[in-house]
Amino acid sequence: MTQSFPAVMPTYARAEVGFERGEGPYLFGTDGKRYLDFACGIAVTGLGHAHPHLVAEVGKQMAQVWHTSNIFPIPQQQRLAERLVAATFADTVFFTNSGAEANECGIKLVRKYHAHHGNPQRYRIVTFEGAFHGRTLATLAAGGQQKYLDGFGPKVDGFDQVPFGDHAALEAAIGPHTAGILIEPVQGEGGVRLVPQQCLKGVRELCDKHGLLLFLDEIQTGMGRTGRLFAHEWAGIVPDVMSVAKALGNGFPVGACLATAKAAAGMNAGTHGSTYGGNPLAMSAGNAVLDVMLAEGFLDNVERMAGHLKQQLVGLVQRNPDMFEDARGMGLLLGLKCKVPNTDMVPMVRKHGLLAVGAGDNVMRVLAPLVVKPEHIAEAVDRIDAACAELRAAASARKAG
């Protein structure tokens, strides 16, 4: 064994602080400081930390049975599937352990649909520049970002990328081998870039026109993040296939691929599977999350808090025009387009007790928990203002020196 090589594979550029516990919107660091968490594990802990209902429900399941196998019926899985079907466009659900696996399932499902109908030559999926769909070989190819593909051999075939927001290029990319279109309603990793509602409607129309499946990646945008259970609801459309993860388990690893009966017609016994996917412990987490998110008034409050936070971020940009260009996004999936490097801004806000996360296009994502209150928003804005002041002072000192 090489002693100098770290025990944990060094694939992450980690921050200097870890965390010992969490409570609501706060995390308590190994450095003794309290942090307001507007990163939420990258849009995962939508209900904050140590939510009493989640702790009770998952704890109850832990004392009963953690895992059996999908060889056997899993009542908790059946219940969560039925609830997701009742709350969405979908007729059926496949449970996974992660978002990337949910996307892999969706990719297979889109291809299988056409093969099932006698058209196996239709296997290609159109995706968009700036997208992020995961880190498996297929989902890396779907995202198409070279920085993630480098060094991993030939790019997996089957994906055709078009520029973000270019409807003419999208239609031109559709050919006899095209099976579907995969799109995020908001590109999170790509810089909190919003797909306008009219564009989503146009994508749905293109799919209908050409006999394609519309596959929405709602891994980051879903589970209440935009003020509706799923972001596509704002556009008044429905997909054929949708991937979900992140906030579905509030940090417990769980994902799901949702589909219409039509889209899933070829997915019979043996076509797909997972050892851990949908096990009792994961399903107890998912059901507990839905208990909270589907409660009367919950999503209405998310929408109200989202409007308030967006307004406060717009004011922040106006007060700090040397630091920020704009505030963007929808719901509580928001971002500040930085004029200074976001790699300077994110550590500086953390120094001032606020957790945020970077994104493409030099954006700092501001991902408040769905349980955020006005006082937390005020605290977050104060901390960003303080970070801007320190960055400004440091720049002046360098210039004077």
Protein backbone atom coordinates (compact mmCIF):
# COMPACT_ATOMS: atom_id res chain seq x y z
CA MET A 1 0.00 0.00 0.00
CA THR A 2 1.23 3.50 -0.86
CA GLN A 3 1.25 5.30 2.49
CA SER A 4 1.11 8.82 1.02
CA PHE A 5 -2.08 8.15 -0.93
CA PRO A 6 -5.24 9.17 1.01
CA ALA A 7 -7.53 6.46 2.34
CA VAL A 8 -10.52 8.26 0.80
CA MET A 9 -9.97 8.52 -2.95
CA PRO A 10 -9.12 12.19 -3.66
CA THR A 11 -11.90 12.90 -6.15
CA TYR A 12 -13.34 15.88 -4.23
CA ALA A 13 -11.92 19.34 -3.62
CA ARG A 14 -13.27 19.49 -0.10
CA ALA A 15 -13.83 22.57 2.05
CA GLU A 16 -11.86 22.98 5.27
CA VAL A 17 -14.78 22.39 7.65
CA GLY A 18 -16.94 19.35 8.36
CA PHE A 19 -20.14 19.10 10.38
CA GLU A 20 -21.11 17.33 13.59
CA ARG A 21 -24.86 17.84 13.65
CA GLY A 22 -27.72 19.73 12.08
CA GLU A 23 -30.94 21.33 13.24
CA GLY A 24 -33.50 22.78 10.84
CA PRO A 25 -31.70 25.14 8.43
CA TYR A 26 -28.45 25.08 10.42
CA LEU A 27 -25.35 22.90 10.48
CA PHE A 28 -22.85 22.91 13.35
CA GLY A 29 -19.24 22.65 12.25
CA THR A 30 -16.24 20.82 13.59
CA ASP A 31 -14.77 24.31 14.01
CA GLY A 32 -17.41 25.15 16.64
CA LYS A 33 -19.32 27.56 14.37
CA ARG A 34 -22.97 27.49 13.36
CA TYR A 35 -23.69 27.73 9.61
CA LEU A 36 -26.89 28.66 7.84
CA ASP A 37 -27.26 25.94 5.22
CA PHE A 38 -28.31 27.40 1.86
CA ALA A 39 -26.51 24.60 0.02
CA CYS A 40 -28.74 21.81 1.35
CA GLY A 41 -26.29 19.15 0.24
CA ILE A 42 -26.88 20.48 -3.32
CA ALA A 43 -30.69 20.68 -3.11
CA VAL A 44 -31.04 17.46 -1.09
CA THR A 45 -32.03 18.36 2.48
CA GLY A 46 -35.17 20.24 1.47
CA LEU A 47 -36.74 19.72 4.89
CA GLY A 48 -33.61 20.80 6.72
CA HIS A 49 -31.67 18.71 9.21
CA ALA A 50 -33.01 16.31 11.86
CA HIS A 51 -36.61 16.95 10.87
CA PRO A 52 -38.64 15.38 13.73
CA HIS A 53 -41.07 13.49 11.50
CA LEU A 54 -38.32 12.04 9.31
CA VAL A 55 -36.24 11.06 12.34
CA ALA A 56 -39.24 9.30 13.91
CA GLU A 57 -40.37 7.45 10.77
CA VAL A 58 -36.93 6.29 9.63
CA GLY A 59 -36.02 5.38 13.21
CA LYS A 60 -39.15 3.28 13.48
CA GLN A 61 -38.28 1.43 10.28
CA MET A 62 -34.68 0.89 11.41
CA ALA A 63 -36.00 -1.02 14.41
CA GLN A 64 -38.05 -3.31 12.13
CA VAL A 65 -36.37 -4.30 8.84
CA TRP A 66 -33.79 -2.43 6.76
CA HIS A 67 -33.52 -4.58 3.68
CA THR A 68 -35.00 -7.64 2.07
CA SER A 69 -34.78 -7.75 -1.74
CA ASN A 70 -36.95 -6.92 -4.70
CA ILE A 71 -37.44 -10.67 -5.00
CA PHE A 72 -40.13 -10.09 -2.38
CA PRO A 73 -42.97 -7.55 -2.18
CA ILE A 74 -42.01 -4.43 -0.19
CA PRO A 75 -45.11 -2.76 1.29
CA GLN A 76 -43.36 0.56 1.92
CA GLN A 77 -42.28 0.63 -1.73
CA GLN A 78 -45.81 -0.06 -2.95
CA ARG A 79 -47.14 2.77 -0.78
CA LEU A 80 -44.57 5.30 -1.99
CA ALA A 81 -45.12 4.32 -5.63
CA GLU A 82 -48.88 4.71 -5.27
CA ARG A 83 -48.47 8.11 -3.66
CA LEU A 84 -46.11 9.36 -6.38
CA VAL A 85 -48.46 8.08 -9.06
CA ALA A 86 -51.41 9.83 -7.39
CA ALA A 87 -49.48 13.12 -7.15
CA THR A 88 -48.01 13.16 -10.69
CA PHE A 89 -48.54 12.33 -14.36
CA ALA A 90 -47.02 8.88 -13.86
CA ASP A 91 -48.59 5.43 -13.89
CA THR A 92 -45.58 3.52 -12.61
CA VAL A 93 -42.31 4.00 -10.70
CA PHE A 94 -38.93 2.25 -10.53
CA PHE A 95 -36.87 3.02 -7.40
CA THR A 96 -33.11 3.52 -7.43
CA ASN A 97 -30.38 4.61 -5.02
CA SER A 98 -29.36 7.83 -6.77
CA GLY A 99 -30.17 10.39 -9.42
CA ALA A 100 -27.67 8.99 -11.90
CA GLU A 101 -29.30 5.56 -11.58
CA ALA A 102 -32.73 7.13 -12.09
CA ASN A 103 -31.43 8.72 -15.29
CA GLU A 104 -29.87 5.43 -16.40
CA CYS A 105 -33.25 3.76 -15.91
CA GLY A 106 -34.91 6.52 -17.92
CA ILE A 107 -32.42 6.21 -20.77
CA LYS A 108 -33.02 2.45 -20.92
CA LEU A 109 -36.76 2.98 -20.77
CA VAL A 110 -36.72 5.47 -23.69
CA ARG A 111 -34.73 3.04 -25.83
CA LYS A 112 -36.80 0.05 -24.78
CA TYR A 113 -40.03 1.82 -25.69
CA HIS A 114 -39.03 2.07 -29.36
CA ALA A 115 -37.54 -1.43 -29.47
CA HIS A 116 -40.77 -2.77 -27.94
CA HIS A 117 -42.68 -1.17 -30.81
CA GLY A 118 -40.40 -2.67 -33.46
CA ASN A 119 -38.07 0.29 -33.95
CA PRO A 120 -34.75 -0.60 -32.25
CA GLN A 121 -32.94 1.80 -34.59
CA ARG A 122 -34.51 4.64 -32.62
CA TYR A 123 -32.12 4.83 -29.67
CA ARG A 124 -30.59 8.31 -29.75
CA ILE A 125 -31.53 11.00 -27.22
CA VAL A 126 -31.18 14.73 -27.78
CA THR A 127 -29.71 16.65 -24.83
CA PHE A 128 -28.54 20.22 -24.20
CA GLU A 129 -25.20 21.94 -23.73
CA GLY A 130 -24.57 22.80 -20.09
CA ALA A 131 -26.67 19.89 -18.83
CA PHE A 132 -25.67 17.63 -15.96
CA HIS A 133 -27.32 14.23 -15.65
CA GLY A 134 -24.88 12.26 -13.48
CA ARG A 135 -21.47 10.61 -13.47
CA THR A 136 -22.04 7.15 -14.87
CA LEU A 137 -20.58 6.62 -18.34
CA ALA A 138 -23.98 7.03 -20.03
CA THR A 139 -25.12 10.02 -17.99
CA LEU A 140 -21.75 11.74 -18.52
CA ALA A 141 -22.29 11.32 -22.24
CA ALA A 142 -25.81 12.70 -21.91
CA GLY A 143 -24.47 15.77 -20.10
CA GLY A 144 -21.68 16.13 -22.61
CA GLN A 145 -19.41 18.33 -20.50
CA GLN A 146 -15.84 17.66 -21.56
CA LYS A 147 -14.33 18.38 -18.14
CA TYR A 148 -16.24 15.37 -16.78
CA LEU A 149 -15.60 13.14 -19.79
CA ASP A 150 -11.82 13.58 -20.02
CA GLY A 151 -9.85 10.41 -19.34
CA PHE A 152 -12.74 7.97 -19.38
CA GLY A 153 -12.32 6.59 -22.86
CA PRO A 154 -14.68 6.94 -25.78
CA LYS A 155 -17.88 8.79 -25.08
CA VAL A 156 -20.88 6.47 -24.86
CA ASP A 157 -22.80 6.65 -28.12
CA GLY A 158 -26.42 7.62 -28.40
CA PHE A 159 -26.60 11.29 -27.41
CA ASP A 160 -26.86 14.35 -29.65
CA GLN A 161 -26.29 17.71 -27.98
CA VAL A 162 -27.74 21.01 -29.11
CA PRO A 163 -27.16 24.56 -27.79
CA PHE A 164 -29.25 25.57 -24.79
CA GLY A 165 -32.36 27.46 -25.84
CA ASP A 166 -31.96 26.90 -29.59
CA HIS A 167 -35.30 25.48 -30.75
CA ALA A 168 -34.31 25.42 -34.43
CA ALA A 169 -31.17 23.39 -33.63
CA LEU A 170 -33.26 21.06 -31.47
CA GLU A 171 -35.68 20.31 -34.28
CA ALA A 172 -32.83 19.93 -36.80
CA ALA A 173 -31.18 17.33 -34.53
CA ILE A 174 -34.22 15.04 -34.70
CA GLY A 175 -33.77 12.24 -37.21
CA PRO A 176 -34.84 8.68 -37.95
CA HIS A 177 -32.73 7.34 -35.06
CA THR A 178 -34.03 9.78 -32.42
CA ALA A 179 -35.91 8.20 -29.52
CA GLY A 180 -36.44 11.08 -27.11
CA ILE A 181 -35.43 14.45 -25.68
CA LEU A 182 -33.86 14.76 -22.22
CA ILE A 183 -34.00 18.16 -20.53
CA GLU A 184 -33.77 19.78 -17.09
CA PRO A 185 -36.47 22.44 -16.50
CA VAL A 186 -33.72 24.45 -14.82
CA GLN A 187 -30.04 23.67 -15.41
CA GLY A 188 -28.67 23.65 -11.87
CA GLU A 189 -25.05 22.61 -12.39
CA GLY A 190 -25.09 24.50 -15.70
CA GLY A 191 -25.57 27.86 -13.98
CA VAL A 192 -29.19 27.99 -12.75
CA ARG A 193 -30.38 28.53 -16.32
CA LEU A 194 -34.15 28.50 -16.56
CA VAL A 195 -35.94 26.90 -19.51
CA PRO A 196 -38.87 29.28 -20.21
CA GLN A 197 -42.30 27.71 -19.84
CA GLN A 198 -43.07 28.37 -23.51
CA CYS A 199 -39.90 26.48 -24.49
CA LEU A 200 -40.91 23.46 -22.41
CA LYS A 201 -44.27 23.53 -24.17
CA GLY A 202 -42.43 23.65 -27.50
CA VAL A 203 -40.31 20.63 -26.55
CA ARG A 204 -43.46 18.71 -25.62
CA GLU A 205 -44.99 19.61 -29.00
CA LEU A 206 -41.86 18.48 -30.85
CA CYS A 207 -41.97 15.13 -29.09
CA ASP A 208 -45.62 14.67 -30.01
CA LYS A 209 -44.96 15.70 -33.60
CA HIS A 210 -42.08 13.25 -34.10
CA GLY A 211 -43.23 10.34 -31.92
CA LEU A 212 -40.52 10.89 -29.29
CA LEU A 213 -40.59 10.45 -25.53
CA LEU A 214 -40.11 13.56 -23.42
CA PHE A 215 -37.73 12.72 -20.55
CA LEU A 216 -37.47 15.35 -17.81
CA ASP A 217 -34.58 15.33 -15.37
CA GLU A 218 -36.19 16.75 -12.23
CA ILE A 219 -33.52 15.45 -9.87
CA GLN A 220 -32.66 18.95 -8.65
CA THR A 221 -35.83 20.83 -9.64
CA GLY A 222 -38.30 18.34 -8.20
CA MET A 223 -39.73 17.62 -4.76
CA GLY A 224 -41.02 21.10 -4.04
CA ARG A 225 -37.89 23.05 -4.96
CA THR A 226 -39.78 25.44 -7.29
CA GLY A 227 -42.98 25.80 -5.25
CA ARG A 228 -44.79 23.00 -7.05
CA LEU A 229 -44.03 19.33 -6.44
CA PHE A 230 -42.29 19.29 -9.84
CA ALA A 231 -41.08 22.20 -11.96
CA HIS A 232 -42.78 21.14 -15.20
CA GLU A 233 -46.16 21.74 -13.57
CA TRP A 234 -45.61 25.48 -14.01
CA ALA A 235 -45.57 25.01 -17.80
CA GLY A 236 -48.76 22.95 -17.81
CA ILE A 237 -47.13 20.00 -19.59
CA VAL A 238 -46.49 16.38 -18.68
CA PRO A 239 -43.46 14.27 -19.59
CA ASP A 240 -43.45 10.62 -20.57
CA VAL A 241 -40.51 9.81 -18.29
CA MET A 242 -39.09 11.71 -15.30
CA SER A 243 -36.14 11.15 -12.99
CA VAL A 244 -36.32 12.17 -9.32
CA ALA A 245 -33.81 11.92 -6.46
CA LYS A 246 -32.04 14.39 -4.14
CA ALA A 247 -34.82 15.73 -1.87
CA LEU A 248 -36.96 12.59 -2.26
CA GLY A 249 -35.14 11.08 0.73
CA ASN A 250 -33.94 14.35 2.33
CA GLY A 251 -30.43 12.92 2.37
CA PHE A 252 -31.21 9.24 2.56
CA PRO A 253 -30.01 7.79 -0.78
CA VAL A 254 -33.08 7.22 -2.92
CA GLY A 255 -34.07 8.00 -6.49
CA ALA A 256 -36.95 7.14 -8.76
CA CYS A 257 -37.80 6.90 -12.44
CA LEU A 258 -41.45 7.76 -13.10
CA ALA A 259 -43.22 6.93 -16.36
CA THR A 260 -46.54 6.66 -18.09
CA ALA A 261 -47.91 3.20 -18.81
CA LYS A 262 -47.37 3.88 -22.52
CA ALA A 263 -43.69 4.75 -22.06
CA ALA A 264 -43.03 1.78 -19.74
CA ALA A 265 -44.84 -0.83 -21.85
CA GLY A 266 -41.62 -2.69 -22.67
CA MET A 267 -40.31 -2.83 -19.11
CA ASN A 268 -41.35 -6.29 -17.98
CA ALA A 269 -39.78 -8.75 -15.53
CA GLY A 270 -36.03 -9.01 -15.97
CA THR A 271 -35.52 -5.86 -18.05
CA HIS A 272 -34.13 -3.82 -15.14
CA GLY A 273 -33.29 -4.29 -11.48
CA SER A 274 -31.49 -3.06 -8.37
CA THR A 275 -30.24 -4.77 -5.23
CA TYR A 276 -30.85 -1.87 -2.86
CA GLY A 277 -33.29 0.24 -4.86
CA GLY A 278 -36.61 0.65 -3.07
CA ASN A 279 -35.65 -1.15 0.12
CA PRO A 280 -37.79 -0.63 3.25
CA LEU A 281 -35.45 1.87 4.91
CA ALA A 282 -35.20 4.11 1.82
CA MET A 283 -38.93 3.91 1.27
CA SER A 284 -39.66 4.97 4.85
CA ALA A 285 -37.59 8.10 4.19
CA GLY A 286 -39.43 8.82 0.94
CA ASN A 287 -42.83 8.34 2.50
CA ALA A 288 -41.93 10.59 5.44
CA VAL A 289 -40.80 13.33 3.03
CA LEU A 290 -44.10 13.10 1.14
CA ASP A 291 -46.02 13.28 4.43
CA VAL A 292 -44.55 16.75 4.92
CA MET A 293 -44.47 18.02 1.35
CA LEU A 294 -48.03 16.98 0.49
CA ALA A 295 -49.49 18.52 3.65
CA GLU A 296 -51.96 21.32 3.01
CA GLY A 297 -50.26 24.70 2.59
CA PHE A 298 -46.67 23.42 2.52
CA LEU A 299 -45.92 24.14 -1.15
CA ASP A 300 -47.86 27.42 -1.00
CA ASN A 301 -45.48 28.55 1.72
CA VAL A 302 -42.47 27.44 -0.33
CA GLU A 303 -43.75 29.64 -3.16
CA ARG A 304 -44.16 32.62 -0.80
CA MET A 305 -40.69 32.21 0.67
CA ALA A 306 -39.22 31.80 -2.82
CA GLY A 307 -40.71 35.11 -3.94
CA HIS A 308 -39.36 36.81 -0.82
CA LEU A 309 -35.87 35.35 -1.25
CA LYS A 310 -35.73 36.29 -4.94
CA GLN A 311 -36.73 39.86 -4.07
CA GLN A 312 -34.00 40.04 -1.42
CA LEU A 313 -31.38 38.68 -3.81
CA VAL A 314 -32.34 41.26 -6.44
CA GLY A 315 -31.77 43.95 -3.80
CA LEU A 316 -28.43 42.36 -2.94
CA VAL A 317 -27.35 42.61 -6.58
CA GLN A 318 -28.38 46.26 -6.70
CA ARG A 319 -26.34 47.03 -3.57
CA ASN A 320 -23.30 45.13 -4.82
CA PRO A 321 -23.05 45.82 -8.57
CA ASP A 322 -19.30 45.21 -8.49
CA MET A 323 -19.86 41.69 -7.16
CA PHE A 324 -22.98 40.42 -8.91
CA GLU A 325 -24.53 40.65 -12.34
CA ASP A 326 -27.99 39.23 -11.68
CA ALA A 327 -30.19 36.97 -9.58
CA ARG A 328 -31.71 34.09 -11.52
CA GLY A 329 -33.70 30.87 -11.23
CA MET A 330 -37.15 29.93 -9.95
CA GLY A 331 -38.62 28.89 -6.65
CA LEU A 332 -35.88 28.12 -4.15
CA LEU A 333 -33.49 27.05 -6.91
CA LEU A 334 -31.77 30.43 -7.21
CA GLY A 335 -28.37 31.67 -8.21
CA LEU A 336 -26.28 34.83 -8.16
CA LYS A 337 -24.27 35.43 -11.32
CA CYS A 338 -20.94 36.67 -9.98
CA LYS A 339 -18.60 39.32 -11.38
CA VAL A 340 -15.80 38.06 -9.14
CA PRO A 341 -14.88 34.36 -9.42
CA ASN A 342 -17.52 32.21 -7.74
CA THR A 343 -14.58 30.21 -6.39
CA ASP A 344 -13.81 33.32 -4.29
CA MET A 345 -17.39 34.13 -3.37
CA VAL A 346 -18.48 30.67 -2.14
CA PRO A 347 -15.61 30.31 0.41
CA MET A 348 -16.10 33.90 1.54
CA VAL A 349 -19.80 33.49 2.32
CA ARG A 350 -18.87 30.28 4.14
CA LYS A 351 -16.35 32.27 6.20
CA HIS A 352 -19.28 34.50 7.17
CA GLY A 353 -21.41 31.54 8.23
CA LEU A 354 -23.48 30.80 5.11
CA LEU A 355 -23.22 27.65 3.01
CA ALA A 356 -23.80 28.02 -0.74
CA VAL A 357 -22.52 26.07 -3.73
CA GLY A 358 -20.95 26.96 -7.06
CA ALA A 359 -22.32 26.25 -10.53
CA GLY A 360 -21.39 26.83 -14.15
CA ASP A 361 -21.46 30.27 -15.78
CA ASN A 362 -19.72 31.69 -12.68
CA VAL A 363 -22.88 31.35 -10.58
CA MET A 364 -23.22 30.81 -6.84
CA ARG A 365 -26.28 28.66 -6.17
CA VAL A 366 -28.46 29.78 -3.25
CA LEU A 367 -30.49 26.70 -2.30
CA ALA A 368 -32.47 27.51 0.81
CA PRO A 369 -34.28 24.64 2.53
CA LEU A 370 -37.99 24.47 1.80
CA VAL A 371 -38.65 25.10 5.50
CA VAL A 372 -36.90 28.48 5.33
CA LYS A 373 -38.42 31.43 7.22
CA PRO A 374 -38.10 35.20 6.64
CA GLU A 375 -35.60 35.56 9.45
CA HIS A 376 -33.33 32.96 7.83
CA ILE A 377 -33.51 34.83 4.53
CA ALA A 378 -32.59 38.10 6.26
CA GLU A 379 -29.67 36.37 7.95
CA ALA A 380 -28.44 34.89 4.66
CA VAL A 381 -28.58 38.23 2.85
CA ASP A 382 -26.68 39.95 5.69
CA ARG A 383 -23.97 37.32 5.45
CA ILE A 384 -23.62 37.69 1.69
CA ASP A 385 -23.43 41.47 2.10
CA ALA A 386 -20.66 40.99 4.68
CA ALA A 387 -18.79 38.64 2.35
CA CYS A 388 -19.01 41.21 -0.44
CA ALA A 389 -17.62 43.90 1.86
CA GLU A 390 -14.64 41.73 2.79
CA LEU A 391 -13.92 40.79 -0.82
CA ARG A 392 -14.15 44.46 -1.79
CA ALA A 393 -11.78 45.51 1.01
CA ALA A 394 -9.31 42.79 0.05
CA ALA A 395 -9.37 43.93 -3.59
CA SER A 396 -8.78 47.55 -2.54
CA ALA A 397 -5.87 46.52 -0.34
CA ARG A 398 -4.26 44.58 -3.20
CA LYS A 399 -4.73 47.54 -5.51
CA ALA A 400 -3.22 49.95 -2.98
CA GLY A 401 -0.29 47.62 -2.34
